[in-house]
């Protein structure tokens, strides 16, 4: 397996942000149909990935432990945010 990079972590963060934003809009602003929410999440994730790919800052390698710790933090924040918004 290739060495982990900040870019791989940033992809996960972009996806988490898209899920949180779409869930917030769906729960608090406008109740969307599920298929529309899915397409909106895909679009926001795509925009995030495009922005990440344009920057060369994210090509730095990081240790496997740091990679796993950051990913665990992202999943934890996603879990907390998702259920906080649902209240």
C-alpha atoms as a PDB file:
ATOM      1  CA  UNK A   1       0.000   0.000   0.000  1.00  0.00           C
ATOM      2  CA  UNK A   2       1.211   3.493  -0.768  1.00  0.00           C
ATOM      3  CA  UNK A   3       2.284   5.803   2.002  1.00  0.00           C
ATOM      4  CA  UNK A   4      -0.611   7.835   3.416  1.00  0.00           C
ATOM      5  CA  UNK A   5      -0.749  11.486   2.408  1.00  0.00           C
ATOM      6  CA  UNK A   6      -2.628  14.470   3.691  1.00  0.00           C
ATOM      7  CA  UNK A   7      -4.553  14.400   0.403  1.00  0.00           C
ATOM      8  CA  UNK A   8      -6.169  11.076   1.332  1.00  0.00           C
ATOM      9  CA  UNK A   9      -7.260  12.512   4.678  1.00  0.00           C
ATOM     10  CA  UNK A  10      -8.550  15.649   2.960  1.00  0.00           C
ATOM     11  CA  UNK A  11     -10.733  13.525   0.673  1.00  0.00           C
ATOM     12  CA  UNK A  12     -12.401  12.046   3.748  1.00  0.00           C
ATOM     13  CA  UNK A  13     -12.822  15.477   5.294  1.00  0.00           C
ATOM     14  CA  UNK A  14     -14.431  16.757   2.071  1.00  0.00           C
ATOM     15  CA  UNK A  15     -16.875  13.868   2.136  1.00  0.00           C
ATOM     16  CA  UNK A  16     -17.666  14.408   5.822  1.00  0.00           C
ATOM     17  CA  UNK A  17     -18.277  18.120   5.264  1.00  0.00           C
ATOM     18  CA  UNK A  18     -20.594  17.331   2.351  1.00  0.00           C
ATOM     19  CA  UNK A  19     -22.598  14.882   4.458  1.00  0.00           C
ATOM     20  CA  UNK A  20     -22.878  17.323   7.359  1.00  0.00           C
ATOM     21  CA  UNK A  21     -23.908  20.248   5.129  1.00  0.00           C
ATOM     22  CA  UNK A  22     -26.509  18.237   3.217  1.00  0.00           C
ATOM     23  CA  UNK A  23     -27.910  16.720   6.403  1.00  0.00           C
ATOM     24  CA  UNK A  24     -28.120  20.174   8.011  1.00  0.00           C
ATOM     25  CA  UNK A  25     -29.971  21.568   4.997  1.00  0.00           C
ATOM     26  CA  UNK A  26     -32.281  18.540   4.941  1.00  0.00           C
ATOM     27  CA  UNK A  27     -33.026  18.599   8.667  1.00  0.00           C
ATOM     28  CA  UNK A  28     -33.143  22.319   9.423  1.00  0.00           C
ATOM     29  CA  UNK A  29     -33.675  24.341   6.236  1.00  0.00           C
ATOM     30  CA  UNK A  30     -35.535  22.357   3.586  1.00  0.00           C
ATOM     31  CA  UNK A  31     -36.780  18.765   3.670  1.00  0.00           C
ATOM     32  CA  UNK A  32     -35.335  17.305   0.469  1.00  0.00           C
ATOM     33  CA  UNK A  33     -36.203  14.119  -1.313  1.00  0.00           C
ATOM     34  CA  UNK A  34     -33.564  11.451  -0.608  1.00  0.00           C
ATOM     35  CA  UNK A  35     -32.369  11.203  -4.215  1.00  0.00           C
ATOM     36  CA  UNK A  36     -31.865  14.983  -4.363  1.00  0.00           C
ATOM     37  CA  UNK A  37     -29.946  14.913  -1.066  1.00  0.00           C
ATOM     38  CA  UNK A  38     -27.731  12.134  -2.443  1.00  0.00           C
ATOM     39  CA  UNK A  39     -26.952  14.051  -5.624  1.00  0.00           C
ATOM     40  CA  UNK A  40     -26.266  17.223  -3.647  1.00  0.00           C
ATOM     41  CA  UNK A  41     -23.859  15.352  -1.342  1.00  0.00           C
ATOM     42  CA  UNK A  42     -22.073  13.880  -4.363  1.00  0.00           C
ATOM     43  CA  UNK A  43     -21.804  17.325  -5.961  1.00  0.00           C
ATOM     44  CA  UNK A  44     -20.444  18.989  -2.804  1.00  0.00           C
ATOM     45  CA  UNK A  45     -17.936  16.135  -2.363  1.00  0.00           C
ATOM     46  CA  UNK A  46     -16.870  16.516  -5.996  1.00  0.00           C
ATOM     47  CA  UNK A  47     -16.302  20.249  -5.512  1.00  0.00           C
ATOM     48  CA  UNK A  48     -14.200  19.546  -2.435  1.00  0.00           C
ATOM     49  CA  UNK A  49     -12.087  16.969  -4.267  1.00  0.00           C
ATOM     50  CA  UNK A  50     -11.538  19.361  -7.185  1.00  0.00           C
ATOM     51  CA  UNK A  51     -10.313  22.049  -4.783  1.00  0.00           C
ATOM     52  CA  UNK A  52      -8.036  19.555  -3.017  1.00  0.00           C
ATOM     53  CA  UNK A  53      -6.540  18.371  -6.303  1.00  0.00           C
ATOM     54  CA  UNK A  54      -5.752  21.950  -7.368  1.00  0.00           C
ATOM     55  CA  UNK A  55      -3.560  22.491  -4.318  1.00  0.00           C
ATOM     56  CA  UNK A  56      -0.089  20.962  -3.991  1.00  0.00           C
ATOM     57  CA  UNK A  57      -0.056  21.403  -0.214  1.00  0.00           C
ATOM     58  CA  UNK A  58      -1.821  18.086   0.322  1.00  0.00           C
ATOM     59  CA  UNK A  59       0.843  15.866  -1.285  1.00  0.00           C
ATOM     60  CA  UNK A  60       2.886  15.559   1.918  1.00  0.00           C
ATOM     61  CA  UNK A  61       3.257  12.088   3.386  1.00  0.00           C
ATOM     62  CA  UNK A  62       2.319  11.427   6.994  1.00  0.00           C
ATOM     63  CA  UNK A  63       2.835   8.477   9.315  1.00  0.00           C
ATOM     64  CA  UNK A  64       0.335   5.650   9.367  1.00  0.00           C
ATOM     65  CA  UNK A  65      -0.479   6.339  13.046  1.00  0.00           C
ATOM     66  CA  UNK A  66      -1.213  10.006  12.354  1.00  0.00           C
ATOM     67  CA  UNK A  67      -3.298   9.023   9.320  1.00  0.00           C
ATOM     68  CA  UNK A  68      -5.406   6.605  11.391  1.00  0.00           C
ATOM     69  CA  UNK A  69      -5.765   9.091  14.256  1.00  0.00           C
ATOM     70  CA  UNK A  70      -6.963  11.885  11.969  1.00  0.00           C
ATOM     71  CA  UNK A  71      -9.409   9.542  10.221  1.00  0.00           C
ATOM     72  CA  UNK A  72     -10.787   8.390  13.572  1.00  0.00           C
ATOM     73  CA  UNK A  73     -11.252  12.043  14.564  1.00  0.00           C
ATOM     74  CA  UNK A  74     -13.081  12.805  11.320  1.00  0.00           C
ATOM     75  CA  UNK A  75     -15.422   9.836  11.804  1.00  0.00           C
ATOM     76  CA  UNK A  76     -16.056  10.845  15.424  1.00  0.00           C
ATOM     77  CA  UNK A  77     -16.868  14.456  14.452  1.00  0.00           C
ATOM     78  CA  UNK A  78     -19.101  13.207  11.625  1.00  0.00           C
ATOM     79  CA  UNK A  79     -20.977  10.913  14.029  1.00  0.00           C
ATOM     80  CA  UNK A  80     -21.469  13.642  16.648  1.00  0.00           C
ATOM     81  CA  UNK A  81     -22.468  16.299  14.093  1.00  0.00           C
ATOM     82  CA  UNK A  82     -24.939  14.018  12.329  1.00  0.00           C
ATOM     83  CA  UNK A  83     -26.844  13.174  15.490  1.00  0.00           C
ATOM     84  CA  UNK A  84     -26.599  16.697  16.902  1.00  0.00           C
ATOM     85  CA  UNK A  85     -28.227  18.088  13.768  1.00  0.00           C
ATOM     86  CA  UNK A  86     -30.980  15.442  13.968  1.00  0.00           C
ATOM     87  CA  UNK A  87     -32.224  16.651  17.337  1.00  0.00           C
END
